[in-house]
Amino acid sequence: MTACRQVQVIEPIATKAVIRVELSPALAGWSERLGACGARLETSALNVETLPISQLSLDASDLILRLGKKTGDEPYLGSPGSVSVQFLQHPGNPLQQLSLQELTTILSGETTHWDDVGAEGMDSAGEGLPIQLVSLGADDDLTAWLRTAFLRGSELGVKTMVAGSAESLRKIVADTPGSFCLLPSQEFPGAGKALAVVDANGNEITLAIPVLAITAGQPEQDLRQLLLCLQESEID
């Protein structure tokens, strides 16, 4: 008598769908948050890529996350949160704050030296230093926000140095007298010197930029759950 042969049936492993996410440079700090929310999805996995804002495209992604104001050209738009930002300045700058008007004239290029806004004797010769903005370039959403928030979309007139990365940006400001930059608050160096912005009454203004979540249509299933998770983590 022949023994009955047992046949083991192996169920195929379910392949997860891929949600393609593109991040703007200023939201690189959201990668950890995205990873935590992606781990909660049952049937999808995330593929996250950080790109300059001019390269963000729904042709190659399911979700775009960037900072700024809506343009009206977005197919479907939500906002899962906001990012607080601060100005970092060279430690030798004696200024503690700028008014909105002073900041606007600096960004427009009308004000070119720090002693024009009260910071006298900043360099070794006792003369005012030229103002220099350090940024990640025109293709960065923080730079774009400065134009829209303070210059009504006009180009920046301030003398600008372009850094190759957020790390080098912070180093340039620390090493270059007269320089300053805009950073997400979570990337602000512990030993950095902040430059506050105040209103007409001298009250500090909290600077925050909306996070825009752009999709080709109304988010459904795991994409919707991902956006809900990002919004909940922002509240937490």
Protein backbone atom coordinates (compact mmCIF):
# COMPACT_ATOMS: atom_id res chain seq x y z
CA MET A 1 0.00 0.00 0.00
CA THR A 2 1.37 3.31 -0.97
CA ALA A 3 1.45 6.14 1.55
CA CYS A 4 -0.70 9.13 0.91
CA ARG A 5 1.43 11.97 -0.28
CA GLN A 6 0.73 15.26 1.44
CA VAL A 7 0.78 18.26 -0.80
CA GLN A 8 1.58 21.59 0.83
CA VAL A 9 -0.21 24.50 -0.69
CA ILE A 10 1.76 27.73 -0.47
CA GLU A 11 -0.31 30.84 -0.68
CA PRO A 12 1.26 33.52 -2.87
CA ILE A 13 2.63 36.49 -0.98
CA ALA A 14 0.51 39.52 -1.63
CA THR A 15 2.40 42.25 -3.36
CA LYS A 16 1.84 45.68 -1.90
CA ALA A 17 0.87 48.55 -4.12
CA VAL A 18 3.33 51.43 -4.22
CA ILE A 19 2.32 54.98 -3.35
CA ARG A 20 4.82 57.33 -4.97
CA VAL A 21 5.46 60.44 -2.86
CA GLU A 22 7.52 63.45 -3.93
CA LEU A 23 8.78 65.91 -1.30
CA SER A 24 10.12 69.41 -1.77
CA PRO A 25 13.56 70.08 -0.19
CA ALA A 26 12.19 72.00 2.80
CA LEU A 27 10.06 68.98 3.76
CA ALA A 28 12.93 66.51 3.87
CA GLY A 29 12.38 66.49 7.64
CA TRP A 30 8.98 64.86 7.05
CA SER A 31 10.60 61.62 5.84
CA GLU A 32 10.45 60.07 9.33
CA ARG A 33 6.80 61.05 9.73
CA LEU A 34 6.01 59.58 6.32
CA GLY A 35 7.79 56.38 7.23
CA ALA A 36 5.78 56.00 10.44
CA CYS A 37 2.50 56.60 8.62
CA GLY A 38 3.49 54.33 5.75
CA ALA A 39 4.14 51.48 8.19
CA ARG A 40 0.47 51.67 9.23
CA LEU A 41 -0.81 51.01 5.73
CA GLU A 42 -1.97 47.44 5.20
CA THR A 43 -1.86 47.09 1.42
CA SER A 44 0.54 49.79 0.26
CA ALA A 45 4.18 50.76 0.61
CA LEU A 46 5.71 54.19 0.12
CA ASN A 47 8.38 55.26 -2.34
CA VAL A 48 9.53 58.71 -1.19
CA GLU A 49 11.77 61.01 -3.22
CA THR A 50 12.97 64.56 -2.49
CA LEU A 51 13.15 66.82 -5.55
CA PRO A 52 13.53 70.53 -6.40
CA ILE A 53 10.13 72.18 -6.67
CA SER A 54 10.40 72.59 -10.46
CA GLN A 55 10.71 68.80 -10.81
CA LEU A 56 7.68 67.87 -8.71
CA SER A 57 5.13 66.23 -10.99
CA LEU A 58 1.97 64.16 -10.65
CA ASP A 59 3.00 62.42 -13.87
CA ALA A 60 5.57 60.52 -11.82
CA SER A 61 3.91 60.47 -8.39
CA ASP A 62 0.65 59.88 -6.55
CA LEU A 63 1.23 62.58 -3.95
CA ILE A 64 3.24 65.79 -3.88
CA LEU A 65 4.08 67.44 -0.55
CA ARG A 66 5.49 70.96 -0.67
CA LEU A 67 5.35 74.24 1.24
CA GLY A 68 3.63 77.42 0.16
CA LYS A 69 0.35 78.86 -0.98
CA LYS A 70 -2.00 77.25 -3.46
CA THR A 71 -1.71 78.50 -7.01
CA GLY A 72 -5.11 77.40 -8.29
CA ASP A 73 -3.55 74.96 -10.75
CA GLU A 74 -3.59 71.99 -8.36
CA PRO A 75 -5.98 69.18 -9.45
CA TYR A 76 -6.82 68.29 -5.83
CA LEU A 77 -5.36 70.00 -2.79
CA GLY A 78 -5.32 69.39 0.94
CA SER A 79 -3.19 70.59 3.84
CA PRO A 80 -2.08 68.05 6.44
CA GLY A 81 -0.30 70.65 8.55
CA SER A 82 2.21 73.48 8.55
CA VAL A 83 5.92 74.00 9.15
CA SER A 84 7.24 76.64 11.55
CA VAL A 85 10.26 78.52 10.24
CA GLN A 86 12.87 80.86 11.75
CA PHE A 87 15.60 83.14 10.51
CA LEU A 88 19.11 82.05 11.50
CA GLN A 89 21.76 84.77 11.52
CA HIS A 90 25.52 84.95 11.95
CA PRO A 91 26.39 84.92 15.68
CA GLY A 92 28.24 88.24 15.35
CA ASN A 93 25.12 90.15 14.38
CA PRO A 94 24.00 92.20 17.43
CA LEU A 95 20.42 92.46 16.19
CA GLN A 96 17.71 90.53 18.00
CA GLN A 97 14.79 91.36 15.74
CA LEU A 98 13.55 93.01 12.56
CA SER A 99 10.24 94.68 11.86
CA LEU A 100 8.15 93.45 8.96
CA GLN A 101 8.97 96.63 7.07
CA GLU A 102 12.70 96.20 7.66
CA LEU A 103 12.59 92.58 6.51
CA THR A 104 10.67 93.55 3.38
CA THR A 105 13.19 96.25 2.41
CA ILE A 106 16.05 93.79 3.01
CA LEU A 107 14.50 91.11 0.80
CA SER A 108 13.66 93.61 -1.93
CA GLY A 109 17.26 94.88 -1.96
CA GLU A 110 16.33 98.41 -0.87
CA THR A 111 18.26 97.93 2.38
CA THR A 112 21.72 96.50 1.71
CA HIS A 113 23.70 96.91 4.97
CA TRP A 114 22.95 95.82 8.50
CA ASP A 115 23.74 99.23 9.98
CA ASP A 116 20.75 100.56 8.00
CA VAL A 117 18.54 98.60 10.40
CA GLY A 118 20.41 99.41 13.59
CA ALA A 119 23.28 96.90 13.63
CA GLU A 120 26.26 99.23 13.80
CA GLY A 121 29.92 98.30 13.97
CA MET A 122 29.51 94.66 12.99
CA ASP A 123 32.87 94.21 11.31
CA SER A 124 36.43 94.81 12.48
CA ALA A 125 36.59 98.22 10.79
CA GLY A 126 33.50 99.40 12.64
CA GLU A 127 31.56 99.74 9.40
CA GLY A 128 28.29 98.06 8.55
CA LEU A 129 28.46 94.70 6.83
CA PRO A 130 26.57 93.96 3.62
CA ILE A 131 23.46 91.87 4.11
CA GLN A 132 23.63 88.45 2.49
CA LEU A 133 20.88 85.84 2.32
CA VAL A 134 21.96 82.21 2.13
CA SER A 135 19.45 79.87 0.47
CA LEU A 136 19.13 76.62 -1.43
CA GLY A 137 18.38 78.58 -4.58
CA ALA A 138 15.33 79.70 -6.53
CA ASP A 139 14.16 76.07 -6.84
CA ASP A 140 13.61 75.77 -3.09
CA ASP A 141 10.16 76.32 -1.58
CA LEU A 142 11.48 78.41 1.33
CA THR A 143 12.95 80.87 -1.17
CA ALA A 144 9.70 80.84 -3.13
CA TRP A 145 7.75 81.53 0.07
CA LEU A 146 9.90 84.57 0.89
CA ARG A 147 8.94 86.04 -2.49
CA THR A 148 5.21 85.40 -2.12
CA ALA A 149 4.91 86.23 1.59
CA PHE A 150 6.90 89.46 1.64
CA LEU A 151 7.36 90.66 -1.94
CA ARG A 152 4.01 89.73 -3.53
CA GLY A 153 5.76 87.35 -5.89
CA SER A 154 8.51 89.71 -7.03
CA GLU A 155 12.06 88.44 -7.31
CA LEU A 156 14.41 88.77 -4.35
CA GLY A 157 16.71 91.77 -4.60
CA VAL A 158 18.89 90.89 -1.62
CA LYS A 159 22.43 89.66 -2.30
CA THR A 160 22.18 85.87 -2.17
CA MET A 161 24.61 82.98 -1.79
CA VAL A 162 23.38 79.52 -2.81
CA ALA A 163 24.27 76.54 -0.62
CA GLY A 164 24.37 72.97 -1.87
CA SER A 165 22.55 71.46 1.11
CA ALA A 166 20.80 72.38 4.34
CA GLU A 167 23.90 71.37 6.28
CA SER A 168 26.20 73.59 4.23
CA LEU A 169 23.64 76.40 4.47
CA ARG A 170 23.87 76.40 8.27
CA LYS A 171 27.68 76.25 8.12
CA ILE A 172 27.89 79.18 5.70
CA VAL A 173 25.77 81.34 8.01
CA ALA A 174 27.87 80.37 11.02
CA ASP A 175 31.11 81.22 9.17
CA THR A 176 30.07 84.27 7.13
CA PRO A 177 29.56 87.62 8.93
CA GLY A 178 26.52 89.50 7.69
CA SER A 179 24.70 86.40 6.47
CA PHE A 180 21.30 84.98 7.43
CA CYS A 181 18.93 82.27 6.19
CA LEU A 182 15.46 80.81 6.68
CA LEU A 183 15.14 77.33 8.18
CA PRO A 184 12.39 75.01 9.39
CA SER A 185 12.36 75.36 13.18
CA GLN A 186 13.09 71.64 13.66
CA GLU A 187 16.36 72.09 11.73
CA PHE A 188 17.45 75.12 13.75
CA PRO A 189 20.89 74.46 15.28
CA GLY A 190 20.96 74.39 19.06
CA ALA A 191 23.73 76.99 19.23
CA GLY A 192 22.27 79.12 16.42
CA LYS A 193 21.28 82.75 16.85
CA ALA A 194 17.73 83.54 15.82
CA LEU A 195 16.55 86.75 14.19
CA ALA A 196 12.97 87.42 15.21
CA VAL A 197 10.37 89.26 13.12
CA VAL A 198 8.04 91.62 15.02
CA ASP A 199 4.88 93.55 14.22
CA ALA A 200 4.29 97.30 14.63
CA ASN A 201 3.72 96.80 18.37
CA GLY A 202 6.97 94.91 18.88
CA ASN A 203 5.29 91.52 19.27
CA GLU A 204 7.11 88.57 17.74
CA ILE A 205 5.38 87.06 14.73
CA THR A 206 5.22 83.28 14.47
CA LEU A 207 6.21 82.31 10.95
CA ALA A 208 4.52 79.18 9.63
CA ILE A 209 4.10 77.88 6.09
CA PRO A 210 1.22 75.57 5.08
CA VAL A 211 2.10 72.09 3.85
CA LEU A 212 0.28 71.41 0.60
CA ALA A 213 -0.74 67.84 -0.28
CA ILE A 214 -1.42 67.64 -4.02
CA THR A 215 -3.00 64.64 -5.72
CA ALA A 216 -4.52 64.01 -9.14
CA GLY A 217 -7.97 63.44 -7.64
CA GLN A 218 -9.77 62.94 -4.36
CA PRO A 219 -7.58 60.59 -2.27
CA GLU A 220 -9.03 57.14 -1.66
CA GLN A 221 -8.15 54.03 0.31
CA ASP A 222 -4.52 53.93 1.51
CA LEU A 223 -3.66 57.31 0.03
CA ARG A 224 -6.50 58.84 2.04
CA GLN A 225 -5.35 56.97 5.16
CA LEU A 226 -1.82 58.26 4.64
CA LEU A 227 -2.99 61.88 4.53
CA LEU A 228 -5.19 61.38 7.60
CA CYS A 229 -2.22 59.91 9.49
CA LEU A 230 -0.01 62.85 8.52
CA GLN A 231 -2.69 65.25 9.72
CA GLU A 232 -3.09 63.38 13.03
CA SER A 233 0.67 63.33 13.65
CA GLU A 234 0.75 67.10 13.05
CA ILE A 235 -1.88 67.55 15.77
CA ASP A 236 -0.03 65.24 18.15
